């Protein structure tokens, strides 16, 4: 139960909210034809890579501190 609460709290972190909003906005703009597929793919890839890269870095740092 604690893990679920912790994950919910992490989901509400500012960068998570920004990532979700940006993803939604670009998906809408791409569906509406306002953004080309290349533009969407470039921005989406950068955002997702940054998001998951920072998550992996946090896990690596947390693992190093516990040893």
C-alpha atoms as a PDB file:
ATOM      1  CA  UNK A   1       0.000   0.000   0.000  1.00  0.00           C
ATOM      2  CA  UNK A   2       2.882   2.340   0.797  1.00  0.00           C
ATOM      3  CA  UNK A   3       4.403   1.683  -2.611  1.00  0.00           C
ATOM      4  CA  UNK A   4       1.131   2.661  -4.263  1.00  0.00           C
ATOM      5  CA  UNK A   5       1.010   5.917  -2.289  1.00  0.00           C
ATOM      6  CA  UNK A   6       4.625   6.684  -3.168  1.00  0.00           C
ATOM      7  CA  UNK A   7       4.018   6.073  -6.870  1.00  0.00           C
ATOM      8  CA  UNK A   8       0.909   8.275  -6.804  1.00  0.00           C
ATOM      9  CA  UNK A   9       2.907  11.051  -5.161  1.00  0.00           C
ATOM     10  CA  UNK A  10       5.651  10.709  -7.780  1.00  0.00           C
ATOM     11  CA  UNK A  11       3.069  10.885 -10.543  1.00  0.00           C
ATOM     12  CA  UNK A  12       1.990  14.263  -9.251  1.00  0.00           C
ATOM     13  CA  UNK A  13       5.505  15.651  -9.384  1.00  0.00           C
ATOM     14  CA  UNK A  14       5.797  18.748 -11.525  1.00  0.00           C
ATOM     15  CA  UNK A  15       7.867  17.169 -14.274  1.00  0.00           C
ATOM     16  CA  UNK A  16       5.407  14.296 -14.542  1.00  0.00           C
ATOM     17  CA  UNK A  17       2.526  16.718 -14.943  1.00  0.00           C
ATOM     18  CA  UNK A  18       4.459  18.711 -17.546  1.00  0.00           C
ATOM     19  CA  UNK A  19       5.338  15.535 -19.433  1.00  0.00           C
ATOM     20  CA  UNK A  20       1.720  14.344 -19.471  1.00  0.00           C
ATOM     21  CA  UNK A  21       0.362  17.746 -20.529  1.00  0.00           C
ATOM     22  CA  UNK A  22       2.971  18.151 -23.251  1.00  0.00           C
ATOM     23  CA  UNK A  23       2.221  14.679 -24.553  1.00  0.00           C
ATOM     24  CA  UNK A  24      -1.501  15.431 -24.626  1.00  0.00           C
ATOM     25  CA  UNK A  25      -1.051  18.778 -26.356  1.00  0.00           C
ATOM     26  CA  UNK A  26       1.222  17.404 -29.044  1.00  0.00           C
ATOM     27  CA  UNK A  27      -1.058  14.420 -29.604  1.00  0.00           C
ATOM     28  CA  UNK A  28      -3.992  16.799 -30.074  1.00  0.00           C
ATOM     29  CA  UNK A  29      -2.033  19.082 -32.415  1.00  0.00           C
ATOM     30  CA  UNK A  30      -0.830  16.121 -34.456  1.00  0.00           C
ATOM     31  CA  UNK A  31      -4.397  14.776 -34.748  1.00  0.00           C
ATOM     32  CA  UNK A  32      -5.643  18.229 -35.756  1.00  0.00           C
ATOM     33  CA  UNK A  33      -2.961  18.466 -38.450  1.00  0.00           C
ATOM     34  CA  UNK A  34      -1.186  21.435 -36.866  1.00  0.00           C
ATOM     35  CA  UNK A  35       2.068  19.548 -36.259  1.00  0.00           C
ATOM     36  CA  UNK A  36       3.867  17.348 -38.744  1.00  0.00           C
ATOM     37  CA  UNK A  37       4.712  13.790 -37.864  1.00  0.00           C
ATOM     38  CA  UNK A  38       8.432  14.621 -37.795  1.00  0.00           C
ATOM     39  CA  UNK A  39       7.918  17.548 -35.410  1.00  0.00           C
ATOM     40  CA  UNK A  40       5.753  15.452 -33.114  1.00  0.00           C
ATOM     41  CA  UNK A  41       8.198  12.553 -33.096  1.00  0.00           C
ATOM     42  CA  UNK A  42      11.169  14.828 -32.358  1.00  0.00           C
ATOM     43  CA  UNK A  43       9.548  16.605 -29.420  1.00  0.00           C
ATOM     44  CA  UNK A  44       7.942  13.470 -28.010  1.00  0.00           C
ATOM     45  CA  UNK A  45      11.208  11.518 -28.193  1.00  0.00           C
ATOM     46  CA  UNK A  46      13.138  14.248 -26.382  1.00  0.00           C
ATOM     47  CA  UNK A  47      10.546  14.568 -23.623  1.00  0.00           C
ATOM     48  CA  UNK A  48      10.186  10.831 -23.058  1.00  0.00           C
ATOM     49  CA  UNK A  49      13.961  10.251 -23.177  1.00  0.00           C
ATOM     50  CA  UNK A  50      14.507  13.020 -20.631  1.00  0.00           C
ATOM     51  CA  UNK A  51      11.753  11.758 -18.367  1.00  0.00           C
ATOM     52  CA  UNK A  52      12.895   8.131 -18.346  1.00  0.00           C
ATOM     53  CA  UNK A  53      16.558   9.139 -18.262  1.00  0.00           C
ATOM     54  CA  UNK A  54      16.059  11.114 -15.063  1.00  0.00           C
ATOM     55  CA  UNK A  55      14.030   8.262 -13.564  1.00  0.00           C
ATOM     56  CA  UNK A  56      16.840   5.792 -14.325  1.00  0.00           C
ATOM     57  CA  UNK A  57      19.413   8.202 -12.884  1.00  0.00           C
ATOM     58  CA  UNK A  58      17.411   8.530  -9.659  1.00  0.00           C
ATOM     59  CA  UNK A  59      17.264   4.749  -9.299  1.00  0.00           C
ATOM     60  CA  UNK A  60      21.000   4.461  -9.924  1.00  0.00           C
ATOM     61  CA  UNK A  61      21.790   7.137  -7.344  1.00  0.00           C
ATOM     62  CA  UNK A  62      19.414   5.594  -4.807  1.00  0.00           C
ATOM     63  CA  UNK A  63      21.042   2.191  -5.341  1.00  0.00           C
ATOM     64  CA  UNK A  64      24.522   3.648  -4.819  1.00  0.00           C
ATOM     65  CA  UNK A  65      23.548   5.420  -1.605  1.00  0.00           C
ATOM     66  CA  UNK A  66      22.106   2.299   0.015  1.00  0.00           C
ATOM     67  CA  UNK A  67      25.342   0.315  -0.419  1.00  0.00           C
END
